[in-house]
Amino acid sequence: MDELGMSPIQSFGFAHNELTYRLEIFPNEVPLALIALSVCLLEFHHLNELDPDIGFIPELMENMVDSRIDVAVRDLDKSDMKEFDAALAKVKLEISSETPL
């Protein structure tokens, strides 16, 4: 952010756009990437600035269903799985306080 002079929201948009091509090649990684981006926004207290009805939040919620998560995490080791579970819990807590899952 400092190097490019971007705000957290601008950096998020840049990262989300940059992931598009990779996620087309590796669609099973979409839930992992969206949770990671969400955690970054949470760290900067900006996740709640996104419109819950359009864009990223519906995409995130669509990918937080158990069937997609199960596929995304099947190759994670125990340490990464523990980290992912903690991140997912944070995001679910934040989203559920704003929008019912």
PDB file of N, CA and C in Angstrom:
ATOM      1  N   MET A   1       0.825  -1.188   0.000  1.00  0.00           N
ATOM      2  CA  MET A   1       0.000   0.000   0.000  1.00  0.00           C
ATOM      3  C   MET A   1       0.866   1.246   0.000  1.00  0.00           C
ATOM      4  N   ASP A   2       1.904   1.246   0.838  1.00  0.00           N
ATOM      5  CA  ASP A   2       2.767   2.421   0.923  1.00  0.00           C
ATOM      6  C   ASP A   2       3.503   2.661  -0.388  1.00  0.00           C
ATOM      7  N   GLU A   3       4.006   1.587  -0.965  1.00  0.00           N
ATOM      8  CA  GLU A   3       4.798   1.709  -2.187  1.00  0.00           C
ATOM      9  C   GLU A   3       3.983   2.282  -3.346  1.00  0.00           C
ATOM     10  N   LEU A   4       2.728   1.841  -3.469  1.00  0.00           N
ATOM     11  CA  LEU A   4       1.885   2.304  -4.571  1.00  0.00           C
ATOM     12  C   LEU A   4       0.967   3.453  -4.167  1.00  0.00           C
ATOM     13  N   GLY A   5       0.998   3.832  -2.902  1.00  0.00           N
ATOM     14  CA  GLY A   5       0.163   4.937  -2.430  1.00  0.00           C
ATOM     15  C   GLY A   5      -1.318   4.644  -2.465  1.00  0.00           C
ATOM     16  N   MET A   6      -1.672   3.403  -2.174  1.00  0.00           N
ATOM     17  CA  MET A   6      -3.081   3.003  -2.217  1.00  0.00           C
ATOM     18  C   MET A   6      -3.675   2.944  -0.819  1.00  0.00           C
ATOM     19  N   SER A   7      -4.970   3.174  -0.753  1.00  0.00           N
ATOM     20  CA  SER A   7      -5.711   2.973   0.490  1.00  0.00           C
ATOM     21  C   SER A   7      -5.947   1.467   0.650  1.00  0.00           C
ATOM     22  N   PRO A   8      -6.365   1.029   1.834  1.00  0.00           N
ATOM     23  CA  PRO A   8      -6.674  -0.399   1.992  1.00  0.00           C
ATOM     24  C   PRO A   8      -7.735  -0.891   1.006  1.00  0.00           C
ATOM     25  N   ILE A   9      -8.755  -0.098   0.753  1.00  0.00           N
ATOM     26  CA  ILE A   9      -9.806  -0.508  -0.189  1.00  0.00           C
ATOM     27  C   ILE A   9      -9.248  -0.595  -1.607  1.00  0.00           C
ATOM     28  N   GLN A  10      -8.423   0.361  -2.008  1.00  0.00           N
ATOM     29  CA  GLN A  10      -7.803   0.310  -3.341  1.00  0.00           C
ATOM     30  C   GLN A  10      -6.888  -0.907  -3.465  1.00  0.00           C
ATOM     31  N   SER A  11      -6.122  -1.182  -2.418  1.00  0.00           N
ATOM     32  CA  SER A  11      -5.230  -2.341  -2.422  1.00  0.00           C
ATOM     33  C   SER A  11      -6.024  -3.631  -2.531  1.00  0.00           C
ATOM     34  N   PHE A  12      -7.137  -3.694  -1.818  1.00  0.00           N
ATOM     35  CA  PHE A  12      -8.020  -4.851  -1.892  1.00  0.00           C
ATOM     36  C   PHE A  12      -8.502  -5.048  -3.330  1.00  0.00           C
ATOM     37  N   GLY A  13      -8.990  -3.985  -3.954  1.00  0.00           N
ATOM     38  CA  GLY A  13      -9.472  -4.076  -5.329  1.00  0.00           C
ATOM     39  C   GLY A  13      -8.382  -4.538  -6.286  1.00  0.00           C
ATOM     40  N   PHE A  14      -7.191  -4.012  -6.103  1.00  0.00           N
ATOM     41  CA  PHE A  14      -6.054  -4.419  -6.927  1.00  0.00           C
ATOM     42  C   PHE A  14      -5.766  -5.906  -6.729  1.00  0.00           C
ATOM     43  N   ALA A  15      -5.697  -6.359  -5.481  1.00  0.00           N
ATOM     44  CA  ALA A  15      -5.413  -7.766  -5.193  1.00  0.00           C
ATOM     45  C   ALA A  15      -6.508  -8.670  -5.741  1.00  0.00           C
ATOM     46  N   HIS A  16      -7.745  -8.266  -5.574  1.00  0.00           N
ATOM     47  CA  HIS A  16      -8.867  -9.066  -6.074  1.00  0.00           C
ATOM     48  C   HIS A  16      -8.806  -9.195  -7.585  1.00  0.00           C
ATOM     49  N   ASN A  17      -8.518  -8.109  -8.264  1.00  0.00           N
ATOM     50  CA  ASN A  17      -8.393  -8.151  -9.724  1.00  0.00           C
ATOM     51  C   ASN A  17      -7.212  -9.002 -10.170  1.00  0.00           C
ATOM     52  N   GLU A  18      -6.093  -8.894  -9.475  1.00  0.00           N
ATOM     53  CA  GLU A  18      -4.907  -9.661  -9.841  1.00  0.00           C
ATOM     54  C   GLU A  18      -5.114 -11.165  -9.661  1.00  0.00           C
ATOM     55  N   LEU A  19      -5.965 -11.539  -8.725  1.00  0.00           N
ATOM     56  CA  LEU A  19      -6.232 -12.955  -8.478  1.00  0.00           C
ATOM     57  C   LEU A  19      -7.143 -13.579  -9.526  1.00  0.00           C
ATOM     58  N   THR A  20      -7.859 -12.762 -10.266  1.00  0.00           N
ATOM     59  CA  THR A  20      -8.861 -13.270 -11.200  1.00  0.00           C
ATOM     60  C   THR A  20      -8.297 -14.327 -12.143  1.00  0.00           C
ATOM     61  N   TYR A  21      -7.177 -14.053 -12.783  1.00  0.00           N
ATOM     62  CA  TYR A  21      -6.604 -15.005 -13.741  1.00  0.00           C
ATOM     63  C   TYR A  21      -6.193 -16.300 -13.047  1.00  0.00           C
ATOM     64  N   ARG A  22      -5.492 -16.188 -11.925  1.00  0.00           N
ATOM     65  CA  ARG A  22      -5.059 -17.391 -11.208  1.00  0.00           C
ATOM     66  C   ARG A  22      -6.256 -18.235 -10.783  1.00  0.00           C
ATOM     67  N   LEU A  23      -7.299 -17.580 -10.324  1.00  0.00           N
ATOM     68  CA  LEU A  23      -8.457 -18.318  -9.841  1.00  0.00           C
ATOM     69  C   LEU A  23      -9.249 -18.960 -10.976  1.00  0.00           C
ATOM     70  N   GLU A  24      -9.118 -18.432 -12.188  1.00  0.00           N
ATOM     71  CA  GLU A  24      -9.715 -19.106 -13.340  1.00  0.00           C
ATOM     72  C   GLU A  24      -8.983 -20.412 -13.618  1.00  0.00           C
ATOM     73  N   ILE A  25      -7.688 -20.433 -13.382  1.00  0.00           N
ATOM     74  CA  ILE A  25      -6.881 -21.633 -13.596  1.00  0.00           C
ATOM     75  C   ILE A  25      -7.052 -22.621 -12.439  1.00  0.00           C
ATOM     76  N   PHE A  26      -7.199 -22.093 -11.217  1.00  0.00           N
ATOM     77  CA  PHE A  26      -7.329 -22.914 -10.011  1.00  0.00           C
ATOM     78  C   PHE A  26      -8.624 -22.562  -9.278  1.00  0.00           C
ATOM     79  N   PRO A  27      -9.769 -22.902  -9.847  1.00  0.00           N
ATOM     80  CA  PRO A  27     -11.043 -22.482  -9.252  1.00  0.00           C
ATOM     81  C   PRO A  27     -11.293 -23.046  -7.851  1.00  0.00           C
ATOM     82  N   ASN A  28     -10.678 -24.151  -7.509  1.00  0.00           N
ATOM     83  CA  ASN A  28     -10.870 -24.705  -6.170  1.00  0.00           C
ATOM     84  C   ASN A  28     -10.259 -23.828  -5.088  1.00  0.00           C
ATOM     85  N   GLU A  29      -9.363 -22.914  -5.474  1.00  0.00           N
ATOM     86  CA  GLU A  29      -8.706 -22.039  -4.510  1.00  0.00           C
ATOM     87  C   GLU A  29      -9.497 -20.756  -4.224  1.00  0.00           C
ATOM     88  N   VAL A  30     -10.613 -20.566  -4.886  1.00  0.00           N
ATOM     89  CA  VAL A  30     -11.395 -19.342  -4.710  1.00  0.00           C
ATOM     90  C   VAL A  30     -11.755 -19.100  -3.242  1.00  0.00           C
ATOM     91  N   PRO A  31     -12.301 -20.092  -2.525  1.00  0.00           N
ATOM     92  CA  PRO A  31     -12.624 -19.816  -1.117  1.00  0.00           C
ATOM     93  C   PRO A  31     -11.408 -19.403  -0.289  1.00  0.00           C
ATOM     94  N   LEU A  32     -10.269 -20.026  -0.531  1.00  0.00           N
ATOM     95  CA  LEU A  32      -9.051 -19.675   0.205  1.00  0.00           C
ATOM     96  C   LEU A  32      -8.656 -18.232  -0.060  1.00  0.00           C
ATOM     97  N   ALA A  33      -8.687 -17.839  -1.319  1.00  0.00           N
ATOM     98  CA  ALA A  33      -8.293 -16.477  -1.689  1.00  0.00           C
ATOM     99  C   ALA A  33      -9.258 -15.434  -1.132  1.00  0.00           C
ATOM    100  N   LEU A  34     -10.547 -15.714  -1.215  1.00  0.00           N
ATOM    101  CA  LEU A  34     -11.532 -14.748  -0.733  1.00  0.00           C
ATOM    102  C   LEU A  34     -11.472 -14.592   0.780  1.00  0.00           C
ATOM    103  N   ILE A  35     -11.244 -15.686   1.491  1.00  0.00           N
ATOM    104  CA  ILE A  35     -11.097 -15.600   2.949  1.00  0.00           C
ATOM    105  C   ILE A  35      -9.840 -14.806   3.284  1.00  0.00           C
ATOM    106  N   ALA A  36      -8.748 -15.060   2.563  1.00  0.00           N
ATOM    107  CA  ALA A  36      -7.495 -14.330   2.811  1.00  0.00           C
ATOM    108  C   ALA A  36      -7.685 -12.829   2.576  1.00  0.00           C
ATOM    109  N   LEU A  37      -8.344 -12.464   1.493  1.00  0.00           N
ATOM    110  CA  LEU A  37      -8.608 -11.039   1.229  1.00  0.00           C
ATOM    111  C   LEU A  37      -9.502 -10.441   2.306  1.00  0.00           C
ATOM    112  N   SER A  38     -10.477 -11.203   2.742  1.00  0.00           N
ATOM    113  CA  SER A  38     -11.384 -10.719   3.791  1.00  0.00           C
ATOM    114  C   SER A  38     -10.639 -10.463   5.090  1.00  0.00           C
ATOM    115  N   VAL A  39      -9.732 -11.359   5.450  1.00  0.00           N
ATOM    116  CA  VAL A  39      -8.958 -11.189   6.681  1.00  0.00           C
ATOM    117  C   VAL A  39      -8.090  -9.939   6.586  1.00  0.00           C
ATOM    118  N   CYS A  40      -7.522  -9.700   5.426  1.00  0.00           N
ATOM    119  CA  CYS A  40      -6.727  -8.473   5.245  1.00  0.00           C
ATOM    120  C   CYS A  40      -7.597  -7.237   5.458  1.00  0.00           C
ATOM    121  N   LEU A  41      -8.779  -7.238   4.886  1.00  0.00           N
ATOM    122  CA  LEU A  41      -9.684  -6.097   5.086  1.00  0.00           C
ATOM    123  C   LEU A  41     -10.102  -5.971   6.546  1.00  0.00           C
ATOM    124  N   LEU A  42     -10.308  -7.092   7.212  1.00  0.00           N
ATOM    125  CA  LEU A  42     -10.649  -7.050   8.641  1.00  0.00           C
ATOM    126  C   LEU A  42      -9.536  -6.417   9.454  1.00  0.00           C
ATOM    127  N   GLU A  43      -8.294  -6.731   9.107  1.00  0.00           N
ATOM    128  CA  GLU A  43      -7.154  -6.168   9.835  1.00  0.00           C
ATOM    129  C   GLU A  43      -7.119  -4.650   9.721  1.00  0.00           C
ATOM    130  N   PHE A  44      -7.603  -4.133   8.607  1.00  0.00           N
ATOM    131  CA  PHE A  44      -7.631  -2.681   8.402  1.00  0.00           C
ATOM    132  C   PHE A  44      -9.007  -2.087   8.706  1.00  0.00           C
ATOM    133  N   HIS A  45      -9.922  -2.910   9.222  1.00  0.00           N
ATOM    134  CA  HIS A  45     -11.267  -2.474   9.609  1.00  0.00           C
ATOM    135  C   HIS A  45     -12.047  -1.907   8.431  1.00  0.00           C
ATOM    136  N   HIS A  46     -11.921  -2.545   7.263  1.00  0.00           N
ATOM    137  CA  HIS A  46     -12.619  -2.048   6.075  1.00  0.00           C
ATOM    138  C   HIS A  46     -13.582  -3.045   5.452  1.00  0.00           C
ATOM    139  N   LEU A  47     -13.683  -4.250   5.997  1.00  0.00           N
ATOM    140  CA  LEU A  47     -14.605  -5.223   5.404  1.00  0.00           C
ATOM    141  C   LEU A  47     -16.044  -4.701   5.451  1.00  0.00           C
ATOM    142  N   ASN A  48     -16.382  -4.022   6.518  1.00  0.00           N
ATOM    143  CA  ASN A  48     -17.751  -3.512   6.660  1.00  0.00           C
ATOM    144  C   ASN A  48     -18.046  -2.331   5.730  1.00  0.00           C
ATOM    145  N   GLU A  49     -17.050  -1.827   5.013  1.00  0.00           N
ATOM    146  CA  GLU A  49     -17.269  -0.734   4.066  1.00  0.00           C
ATOM    147  C   GLU A  49     -17.776  -1.224   2.718  1.00  0.00           C
ATOM    148  N   LEU A  50     -17.669  -2.523   2.493  1.00  0.00           N
ATOM    149  CA  LEU A  50     -18.118  -3.067   1.218  1.00  0.00           C
ATOM    150  C   LEU A  50     -19.627  -3.252   1.229  1.00  0.00           C
ATOM    151  N   ASP A  51     -20.256  -2.975   0.110  1.00  0.00           N
ATOM    152  CA  ASP A  51     -21.709  -3.121  -0.009  1.00  0.00           C
ATOM    153  C   ASP A  51     -22.073  -4.603   0.152  1.00  0.00           C
ATOM    154  N   PRO A  52     -22.901  -4.940   1.129  1.00  0.00           N
ATOM    155  CA  PRO A  52     -23.225  -6.345   1.364  1.00  0.00           C
ATOM    156  C   PRO A  52     -24.102  -6.968   0.282  1.00  0.00           C
ATOM    157  N   ASP A  53     -24.679  -6.153  -0.586  1.00  0.00           N
ATOM    158  CA  ASP A  53     -25.609  -6.681  -1.585  1.00  0.00           C
ATOM    159  C   ASP A  53     -25.007  -6.862  -2.976  1.00  0.00           C
ATOM    160  N   ILE A  54     -23.849  -6.260  -3.230  1.00  0.00           N
ATOM    161  CA  ILE A  54     -23.246  -6.395  -4.565  1.00  0.00           C
ATOM    162  C   ILE A  54     -21.750  -6.637  -4.437  1.00  0.00           C
ATOM    163  N   GLY A  55     -21.173  -7.222  -5.458  1.00  0.00           N
ATOM    164  CA  GLY A  55     -19.726  -7.370  -5.524  1.00  0.00           C
ATOM    165  C   GLY A  55     -19.146  -8.460  -4.657  1.00  0.00           C
ATOM    166  N   PHE A  56     -18.167  -8.087  -3.869  1.00  0.00           N
ATOM    167  CA  PHE A  56     -17.334  -9.040  -3.150  1.00  0.00           C
ATOM    168  C   PHE A  56     -18.081  -9.842  -2.083  1.00  0.00           C
ATOM    169  N   ILE A  57     -18.914  -9.218  -1.290  1.00  0.00           N
ATOM    170  CA  ILE A  57     -19.583  -9.914  -0.178  1.00  0.00           C
ATOM    171  C   ILE A  57     -20.450 -11.071  -0.685  1.00  0.00           C
ATOM    172  N   PRO A  58     -21.303 -10.885  -1.691  1.00  0.00           N
ATOM    173  CA  PRO A  58     -22.055 -12.043  -2.205  1.00  0.00           C
ATOM    174  C   PRO A  58     -21.135 -13.140  -2.757  1.00  0.00           C
ATOM    175  N   GLU A  59     -20.056 -12.738  -3.419  1.00  0.00           N
ATOM    176  CA  GLU A  59     -19.089 -13.714  -3.935  1.00  0.00           C
ATOM    177  C   GLU A  59     -18.462 -14.484  -2.775  1.00  0.00           C
ATOM    178  N   LEU A  60     -18.099 -13.777  -1.728  1.00  0.00           N
ATOM    179  CA  LEU A  60     -17.528 -14.399  -0.539  1.00  0.00           C
ATOM    180  C   LEU A  60     -18.521 -15.380   0.081  1.00  0.00           C
ATOM    181  N   MET A  61     -19.742 -14.948   0.283  1.00  0.00           N
ATOM    182  CA  MET A  61     -20.749 -15.802   0.907  1.00  0.00           C
ATOM    183  C   MET A  61     -21.048 -17.039   0.065  1.00  0.00           C
ATOM    184  N   GLU A  62     -21.051 -16.869  -1.240  1.00  0.00           N
ATOM    185  CA  GLU A  62     -21.269 -17.979  -2.163  1.00  0.00           C
ATOM    186  C   GLU A  62     -20.172 -19.039  -2.017  1.00  0.00           C
ATOM    187  N   ASN A  63     -18.974 -18.603  -1.686  1.00  0.00           N
ATOM    188  CA  ASN A  63     -17.828 -19.511  -1.580  1.00  0.00           C
ATOM    189  C   ASN A  63     -17.554 -19.982  -0.158  1.00  0.00           C
ATOM    190  N   MET A  64     -18.371 -19.553   0.798  1.00  0.00           N
ATOM    191  CA  MET A  64     -18.200 -19.999   2.179  1.00  0.00           C
ATOM    192  C   MET A  64     -19.094 -21.185   2.513  1.00  0.00           C
ATOM    193  N   VAL A  65     -19.747 -21.755   1.521  1.00  0.00           N
ATOM    194  CA  VAL A  65     -20.570 -22.943   1.760  1.00  0.00           C
ATOM    195  C   VAL A  65     -19.644 -24.141   1.985  1.00  0.00           C
ATOM    196  N   ASP A  66     -20.103 -25.063   2.817  1.00  0.00           N
ATOM    197  CA  ASP A  66     -19.272 -26.203   3.208  1.00  0.00           C
ATOM    198  C   ASP A  66     -18.723 -26.996   2.028  1.00  0.00           C
ATOM    199  N   SER A  67     -19.526 -27.194   0.997  1.00  0.00           N
ATOM    200  CA  SER A  67     -19.069 -28.009  -0.133  1.00  0.00           C
ATOM    201  C   SER A  67     -17.867 -27.373  -0.842  1.00  0.00           C
ATOM    202  N   ARG A  68     -17.863 -26.069  -0.967  1.00  0.00           N
ATOM    203  CA  ARG A  68     -16.723 -25.394  -1.614  1.00  0.00           C
ATOM    204  C   ARG A  68     -15.517 -25.338  -0.689  1.00  0.00           C
ATOM    205  N   ILE A  69     -15.762 -25.126   0.598  1.00  0.00           N
ATOM    206  CA  ILE A  69     -14.672 -25.096   1.575  1.00  0.00           C
ATOM    207  C   ILE A  69     -13.995 -26.462   1.634  1.00  0.00           C
ATOM    208  N   ASP A  70     -14.801 -27.532   1.676  1.00  0.00           N
ATOM    209  CA  ASP A  70     -14.242 -28.885   1.757  1.00  0.00           C
ATOM    210  C   ASP A  70     -13.289 -29.174   0.600  1.00  0.00           C
ATOM    211  N   VAL A  71     -13.642 -28.755  -0.589  1.00  0.00           N
ATOM    212  CA  VAL A  71     -12.788 -28.966  -1.759  1.00  0.00           C
ATOM    213  C   VAL A  71     -11.528 -28.103  -1.654  1.00  0.00           C
ATOM    214  N   ALA A  72     -11.689 -26.881  -1.220  1.00  0.00           N
ATOM    215  CA  ALA A  72     -10.570 -25.935  -1.157  1.00  0.00           C
ATOM    216  C   ALA A  72      -9.503 -26.364  -0.151  1.00  0.00           C
ATOM    217  N   VAL A  73      -9.911 -26.959   0.951  1.00  0.00           N
ATOM    218  CA  VAL A  73      -8.967 -27.259   2.030  1.00  0.00           C
ATOM    219  C   VAL A  73      -8.433 -28.692   2.018  1.00  0.00           C
ATOM    220  N   ARG A  74      -8.842 -29.494   1.078  1.00  0.00           N
ATOM    221  CA  ARG A  74      -8.478 -30.918   1.114  1.00  0.00           C
ATOM    222  C   ARG A  74      -6.970 -31.166   1.067  1.00  0.00           C
ATOM    223  N   ASP A  75      -6.190 -30.256   0.521  1.00  0.00           N
ATOM    224  CA  ASP A  75      -4.741 -30.460   0.432  1.00  0.00           C
ATOM    225  C   ASP A  75      -3.952 -29.663   1.472  1.00  0.00           C
ATOM    226  N   LEU A  76      -4.633 -28.979   2.371  1.00  0.00           N
ATOM    227  CA  LEU A  76      -3.927 -28.213   3.394  1.00  0.00           C
ATOM    228  C   LEU A  76      -3.380 -29.135   4.475  1.00  0.00           C
ATOM    229  N   ASP A  77      -2.192 -28.810   4.967  1.00  0.00           N
ATOM    230  CA  ASP A  77      -1.671 -29.583   6.095  1.00  0.00           C
ATOM    231  C   ASP A  77      -2.340 -29.098   7.378  1.00  0.00           C
ATOM    232  N   LYS A  78      -2.071 -29.778   8.491  1.00  0.00           N
ATOM    233  CA  LYS A  78      -2.752 -29.463   9.753  1.00  0.00           C
ATOM    234  C   LYS A  78      -2.520 -28.028  10.192  1.00  0.00           C
ATOM    235  N   SER A  79      -1.309 -27.532  10.042  1.00  0.00           N
ATOM    236  CA  SER A  79      -0.989 -26.162  10.459  1.00  0.00           C
ATOM    237  C   SER A  79      -1.760 -25.144   9.623  1.00  0.00           C
ATOM    238  N   ASP A  80      -1.736 -25.341   8.301  1.00  0.00           N
ATOM    239  CA  ASP A  80      -2.469 -24.432   7.412  1.00  0.00           C
ATOM    240  C   ASP A  80      -3.972 -24.536   7.643  1.00  0.00           C
ATOM    241  N   MET A  81      -4.445 -25.735   7.928  1.00  0.00           N
ATOM    242  CA  MET A  81      -5.872 -25.925   8.177  1.00  0.00           C
ATOM    243  C   MET A  81      -6.302 -25.186   9.440  1.00  0.00           C
ATOM    244  N   LYS A  82      -5.466 -25.237  10.462  1.00  0.00           N
ATOM    245  CA  LYS A  82      -5.768 -24.528  11.702  1.00  0.00           C
ATOM    246  C   LYS A  82      -5.830 -23.017  11.453  1.00  0.00           C
ATOM    247  N   GLU A  83      -4.885 -22.517  10.678  1.00  0.00           N
ATOM    248  CA  GLU A  83      -4.854 -21.088  10.343  1.00  0.00           C
ATOM    249  C   GLU A  83      -6.075 -20.698   9.518  1.00  0.00           C
ATOM    250  N   PHE A  84      -6.419 -21.546   8.558  1.00  0.00           N
ATOM    251  CA  PHE A  84      -7.587 -21.270   7.724  1.00  0.00           C
ATOM    252  C   PHE A  84      -8.864 -21.271   8.556  1.00  0.00           C
ATOM    253  N   ASP A  85      -9.017 -22.250   9.429  1.00  0.00           N
ATOM    254  CA  ASP A  85     -10.211 -22.322  10.277  1.00  0.00           C
ATOM    255  C   ASP A  85     -10.362 -21.062  11.127  1.00  0.00           C
ATOM    256  N   ALA A  86      -9.257 -20.565  11.661  1.00  0.00           N
ATOM    257  CA  ALA A  86      -9.298 -19.345  12.464  1.00  0.00           C
ATOM    258  C   ALA A  86      -9.715 -18.151  11.600  1.00  0.00           C
ATOM    259  N   ALA A  87      -9.164 -18.064  10.400  1.00  0.00           N
ATOM    260  CA  ALA A  87      -9.517 -16.970   9.488  1.00  0.00           C
ATOM    261  C   ALA A  87     -10.983 -17.058   9.086  1.00  0.00           C
ATOM    262  N   LEU A  88     -11.433 -18.244   8.772  1.00  0.00           N
ATOM    263  CA  LEU A  88     -12.832 -18.445   8.374  1.00  0.00           C
ATOM    264  C   LEU A  88     -13.772 -18.051   9.508  1.00  0.00           C
ATOM    265  N   ALA A  89     -13.430 -18.421  10.723  1.00  0.00           N
ATOM    266  CA  ALA A  89     -14.267 -18.068  11.878  1.00  0.00           C
ATOM    267  C   ALA A  89     -14.359 -16.552  12.050  1.00  0.00           C
ATOM    268  N   LYS A  90     -13.240 -15.849  11.871  1.00  0.00           N
ATOM    269  CA  LYS A  90     -13.251 -14.378  11.978  1.00  0.00           C
ATOM    270  C   LYS A  90     -14.172 -13.760  10.931  1.00  0.00           C
ATOM    271  N   VAL A  91     -14.042 -14.250   9.701  1.00  0.00           N
ATOM    272  CA  VAL A  91     -14.835 -13.693   8.603  1.00  0.00           C
ATOM    273  C   VAL A  91     -16.316 -13.998   8.813  1.00  0.00           C
ATOM    274  N   LYS A  92     -16.623 -15.232   9.202  1.00  0.00           N
ATOM    275  CA  LYS A  92     -18.026 -15.590   9.441  1.00  0.00           C
ATOM    276  C   LYS A  92     -18.631 -14.730  10.544  1.00  0.00           C
ATOM    277  N   LEU A  93     -17.877 -14.495  11.593  1.00  0.00           N
ATOM    278  CA  LEU A  93     -18.365 -13.668  12.692  1.00  0.00           C
ATOM    279  C   LEU A  93     -18.668 -12.248  12.213  1.00  0.00           C
ATOM    280  N   GLU A  94     -17.756 -11.684  11.449  1.00  0.00           N
ATOM    281  CA  GLU A  94     -17.950 -10.322  10.930  1.00  0.00           C
ATOM    282  C   GLU A  94     -19.121 -10.257   9.960  1.00  0.00           C
ATOM    283  N   ILE A  95     -19.187 -11.202   9.043  1.00  0.00           N
ATOM    284  CA  ILE A  95     -20.264 -11.208   8.045  1.00  0.00           C
ATOM    285  C   ILE A  95     -21.603 -11.430   8.728  1.00  0.00           C
ATOM    286  N   SER A  96     -21.666 -12.333   9.692  1.00  0.00           N
ATOM    287  CA  SER A  96     -22.941 -12.620  10.338  1.00  0.00           C
ATOM    288  C   SER A  96     -23.434 -11.439  11.159  1.00  0.00           C
ATOM    289  N   SER A  97     -22.528 -10.585  11.602  1.00  0.00           N
ATOM    290  CA  SER A  97     -22.964  -9.401  12.342  1.00  0.00           C
ATOM    291  C   SER A  97     -23.550  -8.344  11.407  1.00  0.00           C
ATOM    292  N   GLU A  98     -23.210  -8.447  10.125  1.00  0.00           N
ATOM    293  CA  GLU A  98     -23.706  -7.495   9.132  1.00  0.00           C
ATOM    294  C   GLU A  98     -24.861  -8.070   8.309  1.00  0.00           C
ATOM    295  N   THR A  99     -24.707  -9.342   7.898  1.00  0.00           N
ATOM    296  CA  THR A  99     -25.657  -9.973   6.984  1.00  0.00           C
ATOM    297  C   THR A  99     -25.874 -11.407   7.432  1.00  0.00           C
ATOM    298  N   PRO A 100     -27.095 -11.890   7.515  1.00  0.00           N
ATOM    299  CA  PRO A 100     -27.304 -13.292   7.869  1.00  0.00           C
ATOM    300  C   PRO A 100     -26.728 -14.214   6.806  1.00  0.00           C
ATOM    301  N   LEU A 101     -26.006 -15.251   7.244  1.00  0.00           N
ATOM    302  CA  LEU A 101     -25.427 -16.218   6.291  1.00  0.00           C
ATOM    303  C   LEU A 101     -26.463 -17.199   5.820  1.00  0.00           C
TER     304      LEU A 101
END
